[in-house]
Amino acid sequence: MEQVAQTCNEKYGQYLLKDVNGIPIESFQFNQITELNVDFKGHQYSLSGLVKEADFVEAGQKVRYELAMAAYKMT
């Protein structure tokens, strides 16, 4: 999952909220596994990053895609 966060930083860094110097305030990072075997369907993971408000929905979709692809490749 750390690799997923790194991939998101590389591919979707333009969505991150940046300070006046152009440095991301909080890059994408893997936090933890939040639940195991939820409803017998799978696990939940926590990945966070501070993104621009206007890009929240699109960035969220792209990050969830990267998580899904990582889970698919693990099987």
PDB file of N, CA and C in Angstrom:
ATOM      1  N   MET A   1       0.807  -1.189   0.000  1.00  0.00           N
ATOM      2  CA  MET A   1       0.000   0.000   0.000  1.00  0.00           C
ATOM      3  C   MET A   1       0.858   1.265   0.000  1.00  0.00           C
ATOM      4  N   GLU A   2       2.057   1.152   0.566  1.00  0.00           N
ATOM      5  CA  GLU A   2       2.973   2.299   0.502  1.00  0.00           C
ATOM      6  C   GLU A   2       3.289   2.630  -0.955  1.00  0.00           C
ATOM      7  N   GLN A   3       3.404   1.585  -1.772  1.00  0.00           N
ATOM      8  CA  GLN A   3       3.684   1.802  -3.193  1.00  0.00           C
ATOM      9  C   GLN A   3       2.511   2.488  -3.877  1.00  0.00           C
ATOM     10  N   VAL A   4       1.283   2.186  -3.476  1.00  0.00           N
ATOM     11  CA  VAL A   4       0.100   2.846  -4.042  1.00  0.00           C
ATOM     12  C   VAL A   4       0.145   4.339  -3.727  1.00  0.00           C
ATOM     13  N   ALA A   5       0.503   4.690  -2.498  1.00  0.00           N
ATOM     14  CA  ALA A   5       0.610   6.103  -2.119  1.00  0.00           C
ATOM     15  C   ALA A   5       1.681   6.796  -2.960  1.00  0.00           C
ATOM     16  N   GLN A   6       2.801   6.122  -3.155  1.00  0.00           N
ATOM     17  CA  GLN A   6       3.876   6.691  -3.980  1.00  0.00           C
ATOM     18  C   GLN A   6       3.406   6.883  -5.421  1.00  0.00           C
ATOM     19  N   THR A   7       2.707   5.898  -5.961  1.00  0.00           N
ATOM     20  CA  THR A   7       2.170   5.995  -7.316  1.00  0.00           C
ATOM     21  C   THR A   7       1.212   7.166  -7.430  1.00  0.00           C
ATOM     22  N   CYS A   8       0.346   7.329  -6.440  1.00  0.00           N
ATOM     23  CA  CYS A   8      -0.618   8.437  -6.452  1.00  0.00           C
ATOM     24  C   CYS A   8       0.106   9.780  -6.400  1.00  0.00           C
ATOM     25  N   ASN A   9       1.164   9.879  -5.624  1.00  0.00           N
ATOM     26  CA  ASN A   9       1.936  11.123  -5.569  1.00  0.00           C
ATOM     27  C   ASN A   9       2.563  11.441  -6.921  1.00  0.00           C
ATOM     28  N   GLU A  10       3.043  10.412  -7.605  1.00  0.00           N
ATOM     29  CA  GLU A  10       3.674  10.619  -8.909  1.00  0.00           C
ATOM     30  C   GLU A  10       2.649  10.951  -9.988  1.00  0.00           C
ATOM     31  N   LYS A  11       1.549  10.204 -10.025  1.00  0.00           N
ATOM     32  CA  LYS A  11       0.570  10.360 -11.098  1.00  0.00           C
ATOM     33  C   LYS A  11      -0.430  11.492 -10.870  1.00  0.00           C
ATOM     34  N   TYR A  12      -0.761  11.753  -9.598  1.00  0.00           N
ATOM     35  CA  TYR A  12      -1.838  12.694  -9.296  1.00  0.00           C
ATOM     36  C   TYR A  12      -1.389  13.837  -8.391  1.00  0.00           C
ATOM     37  N   GLY A  13      -0.120  14.129  -8.400  1.00  0.00           N
ATOM     38  CA  GLY A  13       0.418  15.213  -7.582  1.00  0.00           C
ATOM     39  C   GLY A  13      -0.174  16.571  -7.911  1.00  0.00           C
ATOM     40  N   GLN A  14      -0.685  16.737  -9.135  1.00  0.00           N
ATOM     41  CA  GLN A  14      -1.270  18.024  -9.520  1.00  0.00           C
ATOM     42  C   GLN A  14      -2.540  18.337  -8.740  1.00  0.00           C
ATOM     43  N   TYR A  15      -3.170  17.312  -8.142  1.00  0.00           N
ATOM     44  CA  TYR A  15      -4.387  17.528  -7.353  1.00  0.00           C
ATOM     45  C   TYR A  15      -4.093  17.964  -5.921  1.00  0.00           C
ATOM     46  N   LEU A  16      -2.869  17.766  -5.461  1.00  0.00           N
ATOM     47  CA  LEU A  16      -2.528  18.082  -4.076  1.00  0.00           C
ATOM     48  C   LEU A  16      -2.528  19.585  -3.836  1.00  0.00           C
ATOM     49  N   LEU A  17      -2.985  19.963  -2.653  1.00  0.00           N
ATOM     50  CA  LEU A  17      -2.963  21.360  -2.228  1.00  0.00           C
ATOM     51  C   LEU A  17      -1.526  21.724  -1.890  1.00  0.00           C
ATOM     52  N   LYS A  18      -1.058  22.849  -2.424  1.00  0.00           N
ATOM     53  CA  LYS A  18       0.345  23.241  -2.248  1.00  0.00           C
ATOM     54  C   LYS A  18       0.440  24.571  -1.516  1.00  0.00           C
ATOM     55  N   ASP A  19       1.566  24.768  -0.846  1.00  0.00           N
ATOM     56  CA  ASP A  19       1.802  26.051  -0.172  1.00  0.00           C
ATOM     57  C   ASP A  19       2.292  27.084  -1.185  1.00  0.00           C
ATOM     58  N   VAL A  20       2.662  28.264  -0.725  1.00  0.00           N
ATOM     59  CA  VAL A  20       3.077  29.347  -1.632  1.00  0.00           C
ATOM     60  C   VAL A  20       4.354  29.009  -2.397  1.00  0.00           C
ATOM     61  N   ASN A  21       5.135  28.063  -1.902  1.00  0.00           N
ATOM     62  CA  ASN A  21       6.371  27.650  -2.579  1.00  0.00           C
ATOM     63  C   ASN A  21       6.151  26.496  -3.549  1.00  0.00           C
ATOM     64  N   GLY A  22       4.888  26.030  -3.674  1.00  0.00           N
ATOM     65  CA  GLY A  22       4.586  24.933  -4.580  1.00  0.00           C
ATOM     66  C   GLY A  22       4.858  23.559  -4.005  1.00  0.00           C
ATOM     67  N   ILE A  23       5.051  23.471  -2.702  1.00  0.00           N
ATOM     68  CA  ILE A  23       5.311  22.192  -2.037  1.00  0.00           C
ATOM     69  C   ILE A  23       3.992  21.662  -1.468  1.00  0.00           C
ATOM     70  N   PRO A  24       3.662  20.388  -1.746  1.00  0.00           N
ATOM     71  CA  PRO A  24       2.414  19.825  -1.212  1.00  0.00           C
ATOM     72  C   PRO A  24       2.349  19.925   0.314  1.00  0.00           C
ATOM     73  N   ILE A  25       1.187  20.343   0.815  1.00  0.00           N
ATOM     74  CA  ILE A  25       0.988  20.461   2.260  1.00  0.00           C
ATOM     75  C   ILE A  25       0.948  19.074   2.894  1.00  0.00           C
ATOM     76  N   GLU A  26       0.210  18.155   2.274  1.00  0.00           N
ATOM     77  CA  GLU A  26       0.184  16.761   2.742  1.00  0.00           C
ATOM     78  C   GLU A  26       0.062  15.856   1.523  1.00  0.00           C
ATOM     79  N   SER A  27       1.126  15.145   1.210  1.00  0.00           N
ATOM     80  CA  SER A  27       1.124  14.223   0.075  1.00  0.00           C
ATOM     81  C   SER A  27       0.288  12.996   0.408  1.00  0.00           C
ATOM     82  N   PHE A  28      -0.022  12.211  -0.624  1.00  0.00           N
ATOM     83  CA  PHE A  28      -0.752  10.961  -0.400  1.00  0.00           C
ATOM     84  C   PHE A  28       0.119  10.033   0.438  1.00  0.00           C
ATOM     85  N   GLN A  29      -0.502   9.411   1.436  1.00  0.00           N
ATOM     86  CA  GLN A  29       0.222   8.477   2.290  1.00  0.00           C
ATOM     87  C   GLN A  29      -0.728   7.396   2.787  1.00  0.00           C
ATOM     88  N   PHE A  30      -0.169   6.193   2.931  1.00  0.00           N
ATOM     89  CA  PHE A  30      -0.928   5.075   3.477  1.00  0.00           C
ATOM     90  C   PHE A  30      -0.943   5.204   4.986  1.00  0.00           C
ATOM     91  N   ASN A  31      -2.140   5.116   5.576  1.00  0.00           N
ATOM     92  CA  ASN A  31      -2.255   5.240   7.025  1.00  0.00           C
ATOM     93  C   ASN A  31      -2.322   3.885   7.710  1.00  0.00           C
ATOM     94  N   GLN A  32      -3.327   3.090   7.348  1.00  0.00           N
ATOM     95  CA  GLN A  32      -3.518   1.803   8.019  1.00  0.00           C
ATOM     96  C   GLN A  32      -4.607   0.994   7.326  1.00  0.00           C
ATOM     97  N   ILE A  33      -4.680  -0.260   7.706  1.00  0.00           N
ATOM     98  CA  ILE A  33      -5.834  -1.074   7.333  1.00  0.00           C
ATOM     99  C   ILE A  33      -6.890  -0.768   8.381  1.00  0.00           C
ATOM    100  N   THR A  34      -8.058  -0.285   7.938  1.00  0.00           N
ATOM    101  CA  THR A  34      -9.071   0.138   8.897  1.00  0.00           C
ATOM    102  C   THR A  34      -9.997  -0.988   9.318  1.00  0.00           C
ATOM    103  N   GLU A  35     -10.292  -1.931   8.416  1.00  0.00           N
ATOM    104  CA  GLU A  35     -11.140  -3.078   8.760  1.00  0.00           C
ATOM    105  C   GLU A  35     -10.735  -4.270   7.921  1.00  0.00           C
ATOM    106  N   LEU A  36     -10.877  -5.448   8.507  1.00  0.00           N
ATOM    107  CA  LEU A  36     -10.572  -6.691   7.802  1.00  0.00           C
ATOM    108  C   LEU A  36     -11.861  -7.447   7.503  1.00  0.00           C
ATOM    109  N   ASN A  37     -11.947  -7.979   6.299  1.00  0.00           N
ATOM    110  CA  ASN A  37     -13.060  -8.825   5.873  1.00  0.00           C
ATOM    111  C   ASN A  37     -14.424  -8.184   6.138  1.00  0.00           C
ATOM    112  N   VAL A  38     -14.607  -6.984   5.646  1.00  0.00           N
ATOM    113  CA  VAL A  38     -15.847  -6.236   5.832  1.00  0.00           C
ATOM    114  C   VAL A  38     -16.985  -6.940   5.095  1.00  0.00           C
ATOM    115  N   ASP A  39     -18.005  -7.352   5.829  1.00  0.00           N
ATOM    116  CA  ASP A  39     -19.158  -8.056   5.259  1.00  0.00           C
ATOM    117  C   ASP A  39     -18.736  -9.229   4.379  1.00  0.00           C
ATOM    118  N   PHE A  40     -17.626  -9.865   4.704  1.00  0.00           N
ATOM    119  CA  PHE A  40     -17.079 -11.003   3.949  1.00  0.00           C
ATOM    120  C   PHE A  40     -16.758 -10.650   2.499  1.00  0.00           C
ATOM    121  N   LYS A  41     -16.494  -9.369   2.234  1.00  0.00           N
ATOM    122  CA  LYS A  41     -16.222  -8.914   0.863  1.00  0.00           C
ATOM    123  C   LYS A  41     -14.800  -8.400   0.661  1.00  0.00           C
ATOM    124  N   GLY A  42     -14.115  -8.041   1.715  1.00  0.00           N
ATOM    125  CA  GLY A  42     -12.758  -7.531   1.543  1.00  0.00           C
ATOM    126  C   GLY A  42     -12.340  -6.629   2.680  1.00  0.00           C
ATOM    127  N   HIS A  43     -11.217  -5.976   2.497  1.00  0.00           N
ATOM    128  CA  HIS A  43     -10.625  -5.142   3.527  1.00  0.00           C
ATOM    129  C   HIS A  43     -10.806  -3.666   3.183  1.00  0.00           C
ATOM    130  N   GLN A  44     -10.712  -2.801   4.191  1.00  0.00           N
ATOM    131  CA  GLN A  44     -10.745  -1.361   3.985  1.00  0.00           C
ATOM    132  C   GLN A  44      -9.388  -0.785   4.361  1.00  0.00           C
ATOM    133  N   TYR A  45      -8.904   0.127   3.538  1.00  0.00           N
ATOM    134  CA  TYR A  45      -7.619   0.763   3.755  1.00  0.00           C
ATOM    135  C   TYR A  45      -7.812   2.266   3.895  1.00  0.00           C
ATOM    136  N   SER A  46      -6.910   2.899   4.606  1.00  0.00           N
ATOM    137  CA  SER A  46      -6.945   4.345   4.777  1.00  0.00           C
ATOM    138  C   SER A  46      -5.729   4.946   4.088  1.00  0.00           C
ATOM    139  N   LEU A  47      -5.998   5.746   3.069  1.00  0.00           N
ATOM    140  CA  LEU A  47      -4.969   6.469   2.334  1.00  0.00           C
ATOM    141  C   LEU A  47      -5.404   7.921   2.353  1.00  0.00           C
ATOM    142  N   SER A  48      -4.522   8.825   2.708  1.00  0.00           N
ATOM    143  CA  SER A  48      -4.926  10.229   2.811  1.00  0.00           C
ATOM    144  C   SER A  48      -3.993  11.131   2.026  1.00  0.00           C
ATOM    145  N   GLY A  49      -4.488  12.318   1.739  1.00  0.00           N
ATOM    146  CA  GLY A  49      -3.729  13.363   1.077  1.00  0.00           C
ATOM    147  C   GLY A  49      -4.597  14.604   1.050  1.00  0.00           C
ATOM    148  N   LEU A  50      -4.011  15.762   1.146  1.00  0.00           N
ATOM    149  CA  LEU A  50      -4.760  17.014   1.147  1.00  0.00           C
ATOM    150  C   LEU A  50      -4.811  17.543  -0.278  1.00  0.00           C
ATOM    151  N   VAL A  51      -6.016  17.528  -0.872  1.00  0.00           N
ATOM    152  CA  VAL A  51      -6.184  17.943  -2.267  1.00  0.00           C
ATOM    153  C   VAL A  51      -6.983  19.239  -2.347  1.00  0.00           C
ATOM    154  N   LYS A  52      -6.898  19.875  -3.519  1.00  0.00           N
ATOM    155  CA  LYS A  52      -7.675  21.091  -3.758  1.00  0.00           C
ATOM    156  C   LYS A  52      -9.157  20.738  -3.731  1.00  0.00           C
ATOM    157  N   GLU A  53      -9.953  21.624  -3.154  1.00  0.00           N
ATOM    158  CA  GLU A  53     -11.382  21.359  -3.003  1.00  0.00           C
ATOM    159  C   GLU A  53     -12.052  21.100  -4.347  1.00  0.00           C
ATOM    160  N   ALA A  54     -11.687  21.836  -5.366  1.00  0.00           N
ATOM    161  CA  ALA A  54     -12.306  21.681  -6.686  1.00  0.00           C
ATOM    162  C   ALA A  54     -11.990  20.327  -7.315  1.00  0.00           C
ATOM    163  N   ASP A  55     -10.904  19.685  -6.895  1.00  0.00           N
ATOM    164  CA  ASP A  55     -10.469  18.413  -7.475  1.00  0.00           C
ATOM    165  C   ASP A  55     -10.774  17.214  -6.593  1.00  0.00           C
ATOM    166  N   PHE A  56     -11.505  17.426  -5.505  1.00  0.00           N
ATOM    167  CA  PHE A  56     -11.726  16.373  -4.510  1.00  0.00           C
ATOM    168  C   PHE A  56     -12.340  15.111  -5.111  1.00  0.00           C
ATOM    169  N   VAL A  57     -13.414  15.248  -5.875  1.00  0.00           N
ATOM    170  CA  VAL A  57     -14.119  14.080  -6.416  1.00  0.00           C
ATOM    171  C   VAL A  57     -13.241  13.337  -7.417  1.00  0.00           C
ATOM    172  N   GLU A  58     -12.647  14.066  -8.334  1.00  0.00           N
ATOM    173  CA  GLU A  58     -11.807  13.428  -9.353  1.00  0.00           C
ATOM    174  C   GLU A  58     -10.581  12.764  -8.742  1.00  0.00           C
ATOM    175  N   ALA A  59      -9.941  13.428  -7.798  1.00  0.00           N
ATOM    176  CA  ALA A  59      -8.768  12.845  -7.143  1.00  0.00           C
ATOM    177  C   ALA A  59      -9.157  11.588  -6.369  1.00  0.00           C
ATOM    178  N   GLY A  60     -10.313  11.630  -5.688  1.00  0.00           N
ATOM    179  CA  GLY A  60     -10.783  10.464  -4.946  1.00  0.00           C
ATOM    180  C   GLY A  60     -11.027   9.272  -5.849  1.00  0.00           C
ATOM    181  N   GLN A  61     -11.599   9.507  -7.020  1.00  0.00           N
ATOM    182  CA  GLN A  61     -11.855   8.423  -7.963  1.00  0.00           C
ATOM    183  C   GLN A  61     -10.551   7.809  -8.445  1.00  0.00           C
ATOM    184  N   LYS A  62      -9.581   8.638  -8.736  1.00  0.00           N
ATOM    185  CA  LYS A  62      -8.298   8.145  -9.245  1.00  0.00           C
ATOM    186  C   LYS A  62      -7.529   7.360  -8.170  1.00  0.00           C
ATOM    187  N   VAL A  63      -7.580   7.833  -6.928  1.00  0.00           N
ATOM    188  CA  VAL A  63      -6.911   7.119  -5.844  1.00  0.00           C
ATOM    189  C   VAL A  63      -7.591   5.773  -5.595  1.00  0.00           C
ATOM    190  N   ARG A  64      -8.925   5.750  -5.606  1.00  0.00           N
ATOM    191  CA  ARG A  64      -9.639   4.472  -5.431  1.00  0.00           C
ATOM    192  C   ARG A  64      -9.319   3.511  -6.573  1.00  0.00           C
ATOM    193  N   TYR A  65      -9.141   4.026  -7.772  1.00  0.00           N
ATOM    194  CA  TYR A  65      -8.753   3.188  -8.911  1.00  0.00           C
ATOM    195  C   TYR A  65      -7.388   2.540  -8.640  1.00  0.00           C
ATOM    196  N   GLU A  66      -6.441   3.334  -8.177  1.00  0.00           N
ATOM    197  CA  GLU A  66      -5.104   2.797  -7.897  1.00  0.00           C
ATOM    198  C   GLU A  66      -5.162   1.731  -6.799  1.00  0.00           C
ATOM    199  N   LEU A  67      -5.986   1.944  -5.784  1.00  0.00           N
ATOM    200  CA  LEU A  67      -6.155   0.937  -4.731  1.00  0.00           C
ATOM    201  C   LEU A  67      -6.757  -0.346  -5.297  1.00  0.00           C
ATOM    202  N   ALA A  68      -7.761  -0.204  -6.146  1.00  0.00           N
ATOM    203  CA  ALA A  68      -8.406  -1.376  -6.743  1.00  0.00           C
ATOM    204  C   ALA A  68      -7.421  -2.137  -7.631  1.00  0.00           C
ATOM    205  N   MET A  69      -6.628  -1.423  -8.403  1.00  0.00           N
ATOM    206  CA  MET A  69      -5.649  -2.085  -9.271  1.00  0.00           C
ATOM    207  C   MET A  69      -4.589  -2.824  -8.443  1.00  0.00           C
ATOM    208  N   ALA A  70      -4.170  -2.232  -7.344  1.00  0.00           N
ATOM    209  CA  ALA A  70      -3.189  -2.898  -6.483  1.00  0.00           C
ATOM    210  C   ALA A  70      -3.782  -4.164  -5.881  1.00  0.00           C
ATOM    211  N   ALA A  71      -5.032  -4.099  -5.456  1.00  0.00           N
ATOM    212  CA  ALA A  71      -5.689  -5.280  -4.896  1.00  0.00           C
ATOM    213  C   ALA A  71      -5.856  -6.359  -5.964  1.00  0.00           C
ATOM    214  N   TYR A  72      -6.183  -5.953  -7.172  1.00  0.00           N
ATOM    215  CA  TYR A  72      -6.358  -6.908  -8.275  1.00  0.00           C
ATOM    216  C   TYR A  72      -5.041  -7.608  -8.584  1.00  0.00           C
ATOM    217  N   LYS A  73      -3.951  -6.865  -8.599  1.00  0.00           N
ATOM    218  CA  LYS A  73      -2.637  -7.430  -8.932  1.00  0.00           C
ATOM    219  C   LYS A  73      -2.142  -8.361  -7.844  1.00  0.00           C
ATOM    220  N   MET A  74      -2.622  -8.176  -6.609  1.00  0.00           N
ATOM    221  CA  MET A  74      -2.200  -9.029  -5.488  1.00  0.00           C
ATOM    222  C   MET A  74      -2.870 -10.398  -5.540  1.00  0.00           C
ATOM    223  N   THR A  75      -3.979 -10.508  -6.265  1.00  0.00           N
ATOM    224  CA  THR A  75      -4.692 -11.793  -6.296  1.00  0.00           C
ATOM    225  C   THR A  75      -4.173 -12.692  -7.376  1.00  0.00           C
TER     226      THR A  75
END
